[in-house]
Amino acid sequence: MPVRHYLPVHQQGHFRQICLTEFSSAKSEETILCLPGLLETSAAWHDFAHFFAKKHRVFIIDYAGRALSEYLPDGIEYRMSACLADICSAVSFINGFDQRSKKRTSSAESTATETCLHLVGNSMGGLLAVTFAAEQPSIVTSLVINDVGAVAPWGGTYCDHGCRLCHGDTSKRC
């Protein structure tokens, strides 16, 4: 039976909640995080999750504004950076890290360093998986990407003047 977790995401001075759905029959050292495409929700991944949950912990994220996740507050645009903030919150939760207190949760403390994280992304989720893995290579064990375009116009989708592309310099155009 799937379990829904509502996680805090902190971005640009605002907190919001996203929904992370977990499918698993037992604790496993291997975890799969499913990253939906632009027009998908976690519902598109339920068959995949049920199949792999027999031997893995499987999580499916609903980005801000999708399914049971809260909408972005006024002033924050729907860009790749918002989705990456959602993914960071999900990975922190999976690894047993409480974002609000910035401390490890006691129940996950012993297994947090042992988590084997596989990212599976479709379309935009694949681009997010590649970006997250490039920024956090020590966290990601493997990537599976599907239907990812060869060229992405990052200037219009990623930068909110706090990203690695412009290094927070608001005079630069990414």
N, C-alpha and C. Protein backbone atom coordinates (compact mmCIF):
# COMPACT_ATOMS: atom_id res chain seq x y z
N MET A 1 0.84 -1.18 0.00
CA MET A 1 0.00 0.00 0.00
C MET A 1 0.89 1.25 0.00
N PRO A 2 0.66 2.18 -0.89
CA PRO A 2 1.49 3.39 -0.93
C PRO A 2 1.27 4.28 0.30
N VAL A 3 2.34 4.96 0.68
CA VAL A 3 2.29 5.90 1.80
C VAL A 3 2.68 7.27 1.26
N ARG A 4 1.91 8.27 1.60
CA ARG A 4 2.22 9.64 1.16
C ARG A 4 2.93 10.39 2.27
N HIS A 5 4.01 11.05 1.90
CA HIS A 5 4.76 11.90 2.82
C HIS A 5 4.64 13.33 2.31
N TYR A 6 4.40 14.25 3.20
CA TYR A 6 4.33 15.67 2.83
C TYR A 6 5.57 16.35 3.37
N LEU A 7 6.40 16.82 2.45
CA LEU A 7 7.72 17.32 2.81
C LEU A 7 7.82 18.83 2.63
N PRO A 8 8.55 19.48 3.54
CA PRO A 8 8.77 20.92 3.37
C PRO A 8 9.85 21.18 2.32
N VAL A 9 9.65 22.20 1.54
CA VAL A 9 10.66 22.66 0.58
C VAL A 9 10.88 24.13 0.86
N HIS A 10 12.12 24.48 1.08
CA HIS A 10 12.46 25.89 1.32
C HIS A 10 13.10 26.44 0.06
N GLN A 11 12.54 27.53 -0.45
CA GLN A 11 13.09 28.17 -1.64
C GLN A 11 12.78 29.66 -1.59
N GLN A 12 13.79 30.46 -1.76
CA GLN A 12 13.66 31.91 -1.80
C GLN A 12 12.88 32.46 -0.62
N GLY A 13 13.18 31.95 0.57
CA GLY A 13 12.55 32.47 1.78
C GLY A 13 11.14 31.98 2.05
N HIS A 14 10.65 31.02 1.27
CA HIS A 14 9.29 30.49 1.44
C HIS A 14 9.35 28.99 1.68
N PHE A 15 8.41 28.49 2.49
CA PHE A 15 8.23 27.05 2.64
C PHE A 15 6.96 26.65 1.93
N ARG A 16 7.00 25.49 1.32
CA ARG A 16 5.81 24.89 0.73
C ARG A 16 5.91 23.39 0.99
N GLN A 17 4.85 22.65 0.72
CA GLN A 17 4.88 21.20 0.89
C GLN A 17 4.70 20.52 -0.45
N ILE A 18 5.48 19.45 -0.62
CA ILE A 18 5.30 18.60 -1.78
C ILE A 18 4.90 17.21 -1.29
N CYS A 19 4.30 16.46 -2.17
CA CYS A 19 3.90 15.10 -1.85
C CYS A 19 4.91 14.12 -2.46
N LEU A 20 5.40 13.23 -1.62
CA LEU A 20 6.31 12.16 -2.04
C LEU A 20 5.62 10.85 -1.69
N THR A 21 5.32 10.04 -2.70
CA THR A 21 4.62 8.78 -2.47
C THR A 21 5.63 7.65 -2.41
N GLU A 22 5.52 6.83 -1.38
CA GLU A 22 6.46 5.71 -1.16
C GLU A 22 5.74 4.38 -1.36
N PHE A 23 6.39 3.51 -2.12
CA PHE A 23 5.94 2.14 -2.32
C PHE A 23 7.07 1.24 -1.87
N SER A 24 6.81 0.38 -0.91
CA SER A 24 7.83 -0.60 -0.53
C SER A 24 7.20 -1.63 0.38
N SER A 25 7.71 -2.86 0.26
CA SER A 25 7.22 -3.93 1.12
C SER A 25 8.09 -4.07 2.35
N ALA A 26 9.33 -3.65 2.25
CA ALA A 26 10.26 -3.73 3.37
C ALA A 26 11.42 -2.78 3.11
N LYS A 27 12.17 -2.51 4.15
CA LYS A 27 13.35 -1.65 3.98
C LYS A 27 14.35 -2.36 3.07
N SER A 28 14.88 -1.59 2.16
CA SER A 28 15.88 -2.10 1.25
C SER A 28 17.02 -1.10 1.19
N GLU A 29 18.21 -1.57 0.91
CA GLU A 29 19.35 -0.67 0.76
C GLU A 29 19.29 0.06 -0.57
N GLU A 30 18.47 -0.42 -1.50
CA GLU A 30 18.37 0.23 -2.80
C GLU A 30 17.06 1.00 -2.91
N THR A 31 17.18 2.23 -3.35
CA THR A 31 16.03 3.12 -3.45
C THR A 31 15.94 3.67 -4.86
N ILE A 32 14.72 3.74 -5.38
CA ILE A 32 14.46 4.32 -6.68
C ILE A 32 13.62 5.57 -6.46
N LEU A 33 14.07 6.69 -7.03
CA LEU A 33 13.28 7.92 -7.00
C LEU A 33 12.82 8.19 -8.42
N CYS A 34 11.51 8.20 -8.64
CA CYS A 34 10.93 8.43 -9.96
C CYS A 34 10.64 9.91 -10.13
N LEU A 35 11.10 10.44 -11.26
CA LEU A 35 10.94 11.86 -11.57
C LEU A 35 10.07 12.01 -12.81
N PRO A 36 8.80 12.40 -12.62
CA PRO A 36 7.88 12.52 -13.74
C PRO A 36 8.26 13.63 -14.72
N GLY A 37 7.66 13.55 -15.89
CA GLY A 37 7.84 14.58 -16.90
C GLY A 37 6.96 15.80 -16.63
N LEU A 38 7.04 16.76 -17.51
CA LEU A 38 6.37 18.05 -17.33
C LEU A 38 4.87 17.92 -17.06
N LEU A 39 4.17 17.08 -17.79
CA LEU A 39 2.73 16.97 -17.64
C LEU A 39 2.28 15.73 -16.88
N GLU A 40 3.20 15.07 -16.18
CA GLU A 40 2.87 13.86 -15.43
C GLU A 40 2.72 14.15 -13.94
N THR A 41 2.04 13.25 -13.28
CA THR A 41 1.98 13.23 -11.82
C THR A 41 2.45 11.84 -11.37
N SER A 42 2.46 11.64 -10.08
CA SER A 42 2.89 10.34 -9.55
C SER A 42 2.00 9.20 -10.04
N ALA A 43 0.75 9.50 -10.37
CA ALA A 43 -0.19 8.45 -10.83
C ALA A 43 0.33 7.74 -12.07
N ALA A 44 1.08 8.42 -12.92
CA ALA A 44 1.61 7.81 -14.14
C ALA A 44 2.64 6.73 -13.84
N TRP A 45 3.17 6.71 -12.63
CA TRP A 45 4.25 5.79 -12.26
C TRP A 45 3.80 4.64 -11.36
N HIS A 46 2.52 4.52 -11.06
CA HIS A 46 2.07 3.53 -10.08
C HIS A 46 2.39 2.09 -10.51
N ASP A 47 2.18 1.73 -11.76
CA ASP A 47 2.48 0.36 -12.20
C ASP A 47 3.98 0.07 -12.06
N PHE A 48 4.81 1.00 -12.48
CA PHE A 48 6.26 0.88 -12.34
C PHE A 48 6.62 0.68 -10.86
N ALA A 49 6.05 1.53 -10.00
CA ALA A 49 6.37 1.47 -8.57
C ALA A 49 5.94 0.15 -7.95
N HIS A 50 4.75 -0.31 -8.26
CA HIS A 50 4.28 -1.59 -7.70
C HIS A 50 5.21 -2.74 -8.10
N PHE A 51 5.67 -2.75 -9.33
CA PHE A 51 6.55 -3.81 -9.80
C PHE A 51 7.90 -3.78 -9.05
N PHE A 52 8.52 -2.61 -8.99
CA PHE A 52 9.86 -2.52 -8.38
C PHE A 52 9.84 -2.50 -6.86
N ALA A 53 8.70 -2.23 -6.26
CA ALA A 53 8.61 -2.19 -4.80
C ALA A 53 8.72 -3.58 -4.17
N LYS A 54 8.69 -4.60 -4.99
CA LYS A 54 8.87 -5.95 -4.45
C LYS A 54 10.26 -6.14 -3.85
N LYS A 55 11.26 -5.41 -4.40
CA LYS A 55 12.64 -5.57 -3.94
C LYS A 55 13.33 -4.25 -3.61
N HIS A 56 12.66 -3.13 -3.83
CA HIS A 56 13.28 -1.82 -3.63
C HIS A 56 12.34 -0.88 -2.88
N ARG A 57 12.91 0.15 -2.29
CA ARG A 57 12.10 1.28 -1.82
C ARG A 57 11.90 2.16 -3.06
N VAL A 58 10.66 2.49 -3.37
CA VAL A 58 10.36 3.30 -4.54
C VAL A 58 9.60 4.55 -4.08
N PHE A 59 10.07 5.69 -4.52
CA PHE A 59 9.43 6.96 -4.22
C PHE A 59 9.09 7.65 -5.54
N ILE A 60 7.95 8.33 -5.55
CA ILE A 60 7.56 9.13 -6.72
C ILE A 60 7.25 10.53 -6.21
N ILE A 61 7.86 11.51 -6.85
CA ILE A 61 7.67 12.89 -6.44
C ILE A 61 6.55 13.54 -7.26
N ASP A 62 5.79 14.39 -6.61
CA ASP A 62 4.90 15.30 -7.31
C ASP A 62 5.47 16.69 -7.10
N TYR A 63 5.95 17.30 -8.17
CA TYR A 63 6.54 18.63 -8.08
C TYR A 63 5.49 19.65 -7.63
N ALA A 64 5.96 20.81 -7.21
CA ALA A 64 5.06 21.89 -6.80
C ALA A 64 4.00 22.14 -7.87
N GLY A 65 2.75 22.27 -7.42
CA GLY A 65 1.65 22.55 -8.34
C GLY A 65 1.06 21.34 -9.01
N ARG A 66 1.58 20.14 -8.70
CA ARG A 66 1.08 18.91 -9.31
C ARG A 66 0.40 18.04 -8.24
N ALA A 67 -0.66 17.39 -8.62
CA ALA A 67 -1.37 16.41 -7.77
C ALA A 67 -1.58 16.97 -6.37
N LEU A 68 -1.02 16.33 -5.34
CA LEU A 68 -1.26 16.73 -3.95
C LEU A 68 -0.22 17.68 -3.38
N SER A 69 0.69 18.15 -4.21
CA SER A 69 1.70 19.12 -3.76
C SER A 69 1.13 20.54 -3.83
N GLU A 70 1.61 21.38 -2.93
CA GLU A 70 1.15 22.77 -2.92
C GLU A 70 1.66 23.53 -4.14
N TYR A 71 0.91 24.55 -4.51
CA TYR A 71 1.35 25.44 -5.58
C TYR A 71 2.50 26.31 -5.07
N LEU A 72 3.27 26.84 -6.00
CA LEU A 72 4.34 27.76 -5.62
C LEU A 72 3.73 29.06 -5.11
N PRO A 73 4.38 29.66 -4.10
CA PRO A 73 3.88 30.96 -3.65
C PRO A 73 4.12 32.03 -4.70
N ASP A 74 3.37 33.12 -4.59
CA ASP A 74 3.57 34.25 -5.51
C ASP A 74 5.02 34.68 -5.48
N GLY A 75 5.55 35.00 -6.64
CA GLY A 75 6.93 35.46 -6.73
C GLY A 75 7.93 34.39 -7.11
N ILE A 76 7.53 33.14 -7.05
CA ILE A 76 8.41 32.05 -7.47
C ILE A 76 7.82 31.44 -8.74
N GLU A 77 8.62 31.40 -9.79
CA GLU A 77 8.15 30.90 -11.07
C GLU A 77 8.35 29.39 -11.18
N TYR A 78 7.52 28.77 -11.98
CA TYR A 78 7.65 27.34 -12.25
C TYR A 78 8.80 27.15 -13.23
N ARG A 79 9.96 26.84 -12.71
CA ARG A 79 11.16 26.62 -13.51
C ARG A 79 11.82 25.33 -13.03
N MET A 80 12.83 24.92 -13.76
CA MET A 80 13.55 23.71 -13.39
C MET A 80 14.14 23.85 -11.98
N SER A 81 14.55 25.06 -11.59
CA SER A 81 15.13 25.26 -10.26
C SER A 81 14.12 24.93 -9.17
N ALA A 82 12.84 25.22 -9.38
CA ALA A 82 11.82 24.87 -8.38
C ALA A 82 11.70 23.35 -8.27
N CYS A 83 11.73 22.66 -9.41
CA CYS A 83 11.67 21.18 -9.39
C CYS A 83 12.91 20.60 -8.72
N LEU A 84 14.08 21.20 -8.97
CA LEU A 84 15.30 20.71 -8.32
C LEU A 84 15.24 20.91 -6.81
N ALA A 85 14.65 21.99 -6.35
CA ALA A 85 14.47 22.19 -4.91
C ALA A 85 13.57 21.10 -4.34
N ASP A 86 12.52 20.73 -5.08
CA ASP A 86 11.63 19.64 -4.65
C ASP A 86 12.40 18.32 -4.56
N ILE A 87 13.24 18.06 -5.56
CA ILE A 87 14.03 16.82 -5.57
C ILE A 87 15.01 16.81 -4.39
N CYS A 88 15.63 17.93 -4.11
CA CYS A 88 16.56 18.01 -2.96
C CYS A 88 15.84 17.68 -1.66
N SER A 89 14.63 18.19 -1.50
CA SER A 89 13.85 17.88 -0.30
C SER A 89 13.54 16.39 -0.22
N ALA A 90 13.15 15.81 -1.36
CA ALA A 90 12.84 14.37 -1.39
C ALA A 90 14.06 13.53 -1.06
N VAL A 91 15.20 13.85 -1.63
CA VAL A 91 16.43 13.09 -1.38
C VAL A 91 16.85 13.25 0.08
N SER A 92 16.70 14.44 0.64
CA SER A 92 17.01 14.64 2.05
C SER A 92 16.13 13.74 2.92
N PHE A 93 14.85 13.68 2.60
CA PHE A 93 13.93 12.82 3.35
C PHE A 93 14.34 11.35 3.20
N ILE A 94 14.61 10.93 1.99
CA ILE A 94 14.99 9.54 1.74
C ILE A 94 16.25 9.17 2.53
N ASN A 95 17.17 10.12 2.63
CA ASN A 95 18.42 9.87 3.37
C ASN A 95 18.30 10.16 4.86
N GLY A 96 17.09 10.47 5.33
CA GLY A 96 16.88 10.65 6.75
C GLY A 96 17.32 11.99 7.29
N PHE A 97 17.15 13.03 6.51
CA PHE A 97 17.58 14.37 6.92
C PHE A 97 16.36 15.27 6.98
N ASP A 98 16.15 15.90 8.14
CA ASP A 98 15.03 16.81 8.33
C ASP A 98 15.43 18.20 7.85
N GLN A 99 14.78 18.70 6.78
CA GLN A 99 15.16 19.99 6.20
C GLN A 99 14.91 21.16 7.13
N ARG A 100 13.85 21.10 7.91
CA ARG A 100 13.55 22.24 8.79
C ARG A 100 14.59 22.37 9.90
N SER A 101 14.96 21.26 10.55
CA SER A 101 15.91 21.33 11.65
C SER A 101 17.36 21.20 11.20
N LYS A 102 17.56 20.79 9.94
CA LYS A 102 18.90 20.57 9.39
C LYS A 102 19.66 19.50 10.17
N LYS A 103 18.91 18.51 10.70
CA LYS A 103 19.52 17.41 11.46
C LYS A 103 19.04 16.08 10.91
N ARG A 104 19.85 15.06 11.13
CA ARG A 104 19.45 13.71 10.76
C ARG A 104 18.37 13.22 11.70
N THR A 105 17.42 12.49 11.15
CA THR A 105 16.41 11.89 12.00
C THR A 105 17.02 10.65 12.62
N SER A 106 16.68 10.37 13.85
CA SER A 106 17.32 9.27 14.58
C SER A 106 17.06 7.92 13.94
N SER A 107 15.86 7.70 13.39
CA SER A 107 15.53 6.39 12.83
C SER A 107 16.32 6.07 11.58
N ALA A 108 16.74 7.07 10.85
CA ALA A 108 17.44 6.82 9.60
C ALA A 108 18.95 7.02 9.74
N GLU A 109 19.41 7.40 10.92
CA GLU A 109 20.81 7.75 11.09
C GLU A 109 21.76 6.64 10.66
N SER A 110 21.46 5.42 10.99
CA SER A 110 22.39 4.34 10.69
C SER A 110 22.38 3.95 9.22
N THR A 111 21.26 4.16 8.52
CA THR A 111 21.18 3.73 7.13
C THR A 111 21.36 4.85 6.13
N ALA A 112 21.41 6.09 6.60
CA ALA A 112 21.45 7.23 5.68
C ALA A 112 22.65 7.18 4.75
N THR A 113 23.81 6.76 5.25
CA THR A 113 24.99 6.74 4.42
C THR A 113 25.02 5.51 3.51
N GLU A 114 24.15 4.54 3.77
CA GLU A 114 24.15 3.31 2.98
C GLU A 114 23.14 3.33 1.84
N THR A 115 22.34 4.39 1.73
CA THR A 115 21.31 4.44 0.70
C THR A 115 21.92 4.41 -0.69
N CYS A 116 21.41 3.49 -1.47
CA CYS A 116 21.82 3.34 -2.87
C CYS A 116 20.68 3.95 -3.68
N LEU A 117 20.90 5.15 -4.25
CA LEU A 117 19.83 5.90 -4.90
C LEU A 117 19.92 5.83 -6.42
N HIS A 118 18.86 5.31 -7.02
CA HIS A 118 18.73 5.26 -8.47
C HIS A 118 17.68 6.29 -8.88
N LEU A 119 18.01 7.16 -9.81
CA LEU A 119 17.06 8.14 -10.33
C LEU A 119 16.52 7.64 -11.66
N VAL A 120 15.20 7.65 -11.79
CA VAL A 120 14.55 7.26 -13.03
C VAL A 120 13.69 8.46 -13.46
N GLY A 121 14.03 9.04 -14.61
CA GLY A 121 13.32 10.22 -15.05
C GLY A 121 12.78 10.10 -16.46
N ASN A 122 11.58 10.62 -16.64
CA ASN A 122 10.95 10.64 -17.95
C ASN A 122 10.87 12.08 -18.43
N SER A 123 11.31 12.32 -19.67
CA SER A 123 11.21 13.63 -20.30
C SER A 123 11.87 14.69 -19.42
N MET A 124 11.12 15.70 -18.96
CA MET A 124 11.70 16.72 -18.10
C MET A 124 12.31 16.10 -16.84
N GLY A 125 11.71 15.04 -16.34
CA GLY A 125 12.26 14.34 -15.17
C GLY A 125 13.63 13.77 -15.45
N GLY A 126 13.87 13.35 -16.70
CA GLY A 126 15.20 12.87 -17.09
C GLY A 126 16.22 13.99 -17.08
N LEU A 127 15.83 15.15 -17.57
CA LEU A 127 16.73 16.31 -17.54
C LEU A 127 17.05 16.70 -16.09
N LEU A 128 16.03 16.66 -15.25
CA LEU A 128 16.25 16.96 -13.83
C LEU A 128 17.17 15.93 -13.18
N ALA A 129 17.00 14.66 -13.54
CA ALA A 129 17.86 13.60 -12.99
C ALA A 129 19.31 13.83 -13.37
N VAL A 130 19.55 14.16 -14.63
CA VAL A 130 20.92 14.42 -15.09
C VAL A 130 21.51 15.62 -14.36
N THR A 131 20.73 16.68 -14.23
CA THR A 131 21.20 17.89 -13.56
C THR A 131 21.50 17.62 -12.09
N PHE A 132 20.58 16.93 -11.40
CA PHE A 132 20.80 16.61 -9.99
C PHE A 132 22.04 15.73 -9.82
N ALA A 133 22.19 14.73 -10.67
CA ALA A 133 23.35 13.84 -10.58
C ALA A 133 24.66 14.59 -10.83
N ALA A 134 24.64 15.56 -11.73
CA ALA A 134 25.85 16.35 -12.00
C ALA A 134 26.21 17.23 -10.81
N GLU A 135 25.19 17.73 -10.10
CA GLU A 135 25.43 18.58 -8.95
C GLU A 135 25.71 17.79 -7.67
N GLN A 136 25.20 16.57 -7.58
CA GLN A 136 25.35 15.73 -6.38
C GLN A 136 25.82 14.32 -6.75
N PRO A 137 26.98 14.19 -7.39
CA PRO A 137 27.39 12.87 -7.89
C PRO A 137 27.61 11.82 -6.80
N SER A 138 27.93 12.23 -5.59
CA SER A 138 28.17 11.25 -4.53
C SER A 138 26.88 10.63 -4.00
N ILE A 139 25.75 11.23 -4.30
CA ILE A 139 24.47 10.74 -3.80
C ILE A 139 23.83 9.73 -4.75
N VAL A 140 24.06 9.91 -6.05
CA VAL A 140 23.35 9.13 -7.08
C VAL A 140 24.17 7.92 -7.50
N THR A 141 23.55 6.75 -7.44
CA THR A 141 24.20 5.51 -7.84
C THR A 141 24.06 5.28 -9.34
N SER A 142 22.86 5.53 -9.88
CA SER A 142 22.65 5.33 -11.31
C SER A 142 21.51 6.20 -11.80
N LEU A 143 21.48 6.37 -13.12
CA LEU A 143 20.43 7.13 -13.79
C LEU A 143 19.78 6.27 -14.86
N VAL A 144 18.47 6.36 -14.97
CA VAL A 144 17.74 5.80 -16.08
C VAL A 144 16.90 6.95 -16.62
N ILE A 145 17.14 7.31 -17.87
CA ILE A 145 16.40 8.44 -18.44
C ILE A 145 15.67 7.97 -19.69
N ASN A 146 14.47 8.50 -19.88
CA ASN A 146 13.62 8.11 -21.00
C ASN A 146 13.07 9.36 -21.67
N ASP A 147 13.08 9.36 -23.01
CA ASP A 147 12.45 10.40 -23.79
C ASP A 147 12.97 11.80 -23.44
N VAL A 148 14.29 11.92 -23.34
CA VAL A 148 14.92 13.19 -23.01
C VAL A 148 15.45 13.81 -24.29
N GLY A 149 15.06 15.05 -24.56
CA GLY A 149 15.54 15.74 -25.75
C GLY A 149 17.03 16.02 -25.65
N ALA A 150 17.67 16.11 -26.81
CA ALA A 150 19.12 16.34 -26.84
C ALA A 150 19.49 17.78 -26.52
N VAL A 151 18.57 18.71 -26.73
CA VAL A 151 18.85 20.12 -26.49
C VAL A 151 17.78 20.68 -25.56
N ALA A 152 18.21 21.36 -24.52
CA ALA A 152 17.26 21.99 -23.59
C ALA A 152 17.60 23.46 -23.46
N PRO A 153 16.62 24.35 -23.64
CA PRO A 153 16.85 25.78 -23.50
C PRO A 153 16.87 26.19 -22.02
N TRP A 154 17.97 25.91 -21.34
CA TRP A 154 18.06 26.13 -19.90
C TRP A 154 17.85 27.58 -19.49
N GLY A 155 18.21 28.52 -20.36
CA GLY A 155 18.08 29.92 -19.99
C GLY A 155 16.66 30.31 -19.61
N GLY A 156 15.68 29.71 -20.23
CA GLY A 156 14.30 30.05 -19.93
C GLY A 156 13.66 29.16 -18.90
N THR A 157 14.32 28.09 -18.52
CA THR A 157 13.67 27.14 -17.62
C THR A 157 14.39 26.94 -16.29
N TYR A 158 15.66 27.19 -16.23
CA TYR A 158 16.40 26.83 -15.03
C TYR A 158 16.73 27.99 -14.12
N CYS A 159 17.31 29.05 -14.66
CA CYS A 159 17.90 30.08 -13.82
C CYS A 159 16.86 30.96 -13.15
N ASP A 160 17.00 31.14 -11.84
CA ASP A 160 16.21 32.13 -11.11
C ASP A 160 17.16 33.03 -10.33
N HIS A 161 18.34 33.21 -10.88
CA HIS A 161 19.40 34.05 -10.32
C HIS A 161 19.80 33.61 -8.93
N GLY A 162 20.07 32.37 -8.80
CA GLY A 162 20.61 31.79 -7.59
C GLY A 162 21.21 30.45 -7.95
N CYS A 163 21.19 30.15 -9.24
CA CYS A 163 21.64 28.85 -9.70
C CYS A 163 23.14 28.86 -9.99
N ARG A 164 23.64 27.74 -10.31
CA ARG A 164 25.06 27.61 -10.61
C ARG A 164 25.42 28.23 -11.97
N LEU A 165 24.41 28.42 -12.84
CA LEU A 165 24.70 28.95 -14.16
C LEU A 165 25.16 30.40 -14.11
N CYS A 166 24.51 31.22 -13.30
CA CYS A 166 24.88 32.63 -13.24
C CYS A 166 25.55 32.98 -11.91
N HIS A 167 25.65 32.02 -11.01
CA HIS A 167 26.31 32.18 -9.71
C HIS A 167 25.73 33.33 -8.91
N GLY A 168 24.41 33.58 -9.05
CA GLY A 168 23.74 34.59 -8.27
C GLY A 168 23.94 36.01 -8.78
N ASP A 169 24.67 36.19 -9.88
CA ASP A 169 24.90 37.52 -10.44
C ASP A 169 23.68 37.93 -11.25
N THR A 170 22.86 38.85 -10.68
CA THR A 170 21.62 39.22 -11.35
C THR A 170 21.82 40.07 -12.59
N SER A 171 23.05 40.55 -12.82
CA SER A 171 23.31 41.32 -14.04
C SER A 171 23.52 40.41 -15.25
N LYS A 172 23.79 39.14 -15.00
CA LYS A 172 24.01 38.19 -16.09
C LYS A 172 22.68 37.66 -16.59
N ARG A 173 22.62 37.38 -17.84
CA ARG A 173 21.47 36.70 -18.45
C ARG A 173 21.92 35.29 -18.78
N CYS A 174 21.24 34.31 -18.28
CA CYS A 174 21.60 32.92 -18.54
C CYS A 174 21.00 32.46 -19.85
